[in-house]
Amino acid sequence: MCQFLRTHLNWVQNSVFEGELSESGLEKIRHGLKRLINKDVDSVLFYIFSSRKLVKREQVGIEKNTLSTLI
């Protein structure tokens, strides 16, 4: 799952990925994850922001990956 997500998003830490996607890009990820996850054990959360004005990202500690966009 990690390798699949790294082809579409930026890895932030552990199981956290973020990036800016088109609607079709988001659907491609949803479809791919449905094939990869064990629906009885795994879960995937999407946070979708409809406006850049409502997004604020703060961090304490070291930046593992520098990013300019969020999903």
C-alpha atoms as a PDB file:
ATOM      1  CA  MET A   1       0.000   0.000   0.000  1.00  0.00           C
ATOM      2  CA  CYS A   2       2.846   2.357   0.849  1.00  0.00           C
ATOM      3  CA  GLN A   3       4.488   1.908  -2.564  1.00  0.00           C
ATOM      4  CA  PHE A   4       1.172   2.490  -4.319  1.00  0.00           C
ATOM      5  CA  LEU A   5       0.481   5.713  -2.391  1.00  0.00           C
ATOM      6  CA  ARG A   6       4.018   7.020  -2.939  1.00  0.00           C
ATOM      7  CA  THR A   7       3.379   6.961  -6.691  1.00  0.00           C
ATOM      8  CA  HIS A   8       0.501   9.434  -6.235  1.00  0.00           C
ATOM      9  CA  LEU A   9       1.142  11.394  -3.025  1.00  0.00           C
ATOM     10  CA  ASN A  10       3.919  12.734  -0.820  1.00  0.00           C
ATOM     11  CA  TRP A  11       4.878  10.609   2.168  1.00  0.00           C
ATOM     12  CA  VAL A  12       4.766  12.636   5.388  1.00  0.00           C
ATOM     13  CA  GLN A  13       5.387  10.098   8.152  1.00  0.00           C
ATOM     14  CA  ASN A  14       4.517   6.492   8.946  1.00  0.00           C
ATOM     15  CA  SER A  15       1.125   5.951   7.299  1.00  0.00           C
ATOM     16  CA  VAL A  16       0.421   9.597   6.428  1.00  0.00           C
ATOM     17  CA  PHE A  17       0.426  10.832   2.837  1.00  0.00           C
ATOM     18  CA  GLU A  18      -0.660  14.173   1.423  1.00  0.00           C
ATOM     19  CA  GLY A  19      -0.874  15.909  -1.911  1.00  0.00           C
ATOM     20  CA  GLU A  20      -3.030  17.808  -4.331  1.00  0.00           C
ATOM     21  CA  LEU A  21      -5.161  15.660  -6.636  1.00  0.00           C
ATOM     22  CA  SER A  22      -7.683  16.121  -9.374  1.00  0.00           C
ATOM     23  CA  GLU A  23     -11.036  14.399  -8.973  1.00  0.00           C
ATOM     24  CA  SER A  24      -9.901  11.664 -11.363  1.00  0.00           C
ATOM     25  CA  GLY A  25      -6.642  11.248  -9.425  1.00  0.00           C
ATOM     26  CA  LEU A  26      -8.584  10.788  -6.206  1.00  0.00           C
ATOM     27  CA  GLU A  27     -10.808   8.164  -7.844  1.00  0.00           C
ATOM     28  CA  LYS A  28      -7.728   6.329  -9.129  1.00  0.00           C
ATOM     29  CA  ILE A  29      -6.354   6.153  -5.580  1.00  0.00           C
ATOM     30  CA  ARG A  30      -9.710   5.036  -4.140  1.00  0.00           C
ATOM     31  CA  HIS A  31      -9.963   2.274  -6.717  1.00  0.00           C
ATOM     32  CA  GLY A  32      -6.376   1.131  -6.152  1.00  0.00           C
ATOM     33  CA  LEU A  33      -6.758   1.071  -2.374  1.00  0.00           C
ATOM     34  CA  LYS A  34      -9.925  -1.007  -2.583  1.00  0.00           C
ATOM     35  CA  ARG A  35      -7.864  -3.690  -4.308  1.00  0.00           C
ATOM     36  CA  LEU A  36      -5.052  -3.515  -1.739  1.00  0.00           C
ATOM     37  CA  ILE A  37      -6.702  -3.262   1.669  1.00  0.00           C
ATOM     38  CA  ASN A  38      -8.105  -6.009   3.835  1.00  0.00           C
ATOM     39  CA  LYS A  39     -11.604  -4.609   4.435  1.00  0.00           C
ATOM     40  CA  ASP A  40     -11.932  -6.577   7.690  1.00  0.00           C
ATOM     41  CA  VAL A  41      -8.822  -5.053   9.278  1.00  0.00           C
ATOM     42  CA  ASP A  42      -7.594  -1.956   7.390  1.00  0.00           C
ATOM     43  CA  SER A  43      -9.033   1.513   7.111  1.00  0.00           C
ATOM     44  CA  VAL A  44      -8.099   4.539   5.035  1.00  0.00           C
ATOM     45  CA  LEU A  45      -9.131   8.094   5.866  1.00  0.00           C
ATOM     46  CA  PHE A  46      -9.310  10.900   3.318  1.00  0.00           C
ATOM     47  CA  TYR A  47      -9.331  14.549   4.382  1.00  0.00           C
ATOM     48  CA  ILE A  48     -10.606  16.657   1.505  1.00  0.00           C
ATOM     49  CA  PHE A  49     -10.362  20.445   1.664  1.00  0.00           C
ATOM     50  CA  SER A  50     -12.572  22.366  -0.722  1.00  0.00           C
ATOM     51  CA  SER A  51     -10.699  25.631  -0.249  1.00  0.00           C
ATOM     52  CA  ARG A  52      -7.040  26.473   0.312  1.00  0.00           C
ATOM     53  CA  LYS A  53      -8.139  29.317   2.558  1.00  0.00           C
ATOM     54  CA  LEU A  54      -9.433  26.866   5.156  1.00  0.00           C
ATOM     55  CA  VAL A  55      -6.237  24.822   5.362  1.00  0.00           C
ATOM     56  CA  LYS A  56      -3.565  25.514   7.933  1.00  0.00           C
ATOM     57  CA  ARG A  57      -0.651  23.163   8.490  1.00  0.00           C
ATOM     58  CA  GLU A  58       1.537  23.436  11.563  1.00  0.00           C
ATOM     59  CA  GLN A  59       4.380  21.220  12.627  1.00  0.00           C
ATOM     60  CA  VAL A  60       6.494  20.739  15.721  1.00  0.00           C
ATOM     61  CA  GLY A  61       9.847  19.030  15.247  1.00  0.00           C
ATOM     62  CA  ILE A  62      11.762  18.044  12.133  1.00  0.00           C
ATOM     63  CA  GLU A  63      10.216  18.266   8.658  1.00  0.00           C
ATOM     64  CA  LYS A  64      10.596  14.831   7.037  1.00  0.00           C
ATOM     65  CA  ASN A  65       9.356  15.904   3.598  1.00  0.00           C
ATOM     66  CA  THR A  66       8.919  19.467   2.419  1.00  0.00           C
ATOM     67  CA  LEU A  67       5.508  20.049   0.843  1.00  0.00           C
ATOM     68  CA  SER A  68       3.625  22.945  -0.606  1.00  0.00           C
ATOM     69  CA  THR A  69       0.195  21.353  -1.082  1.00  0.00           C
ATOM     70  CA  LEU A  70      -2.241  19.320   0.996  1.00  0.00           C
ATOM     71  CA  ILE A  71      -5.021  16.866   0.323  1.00  0.00           C
END
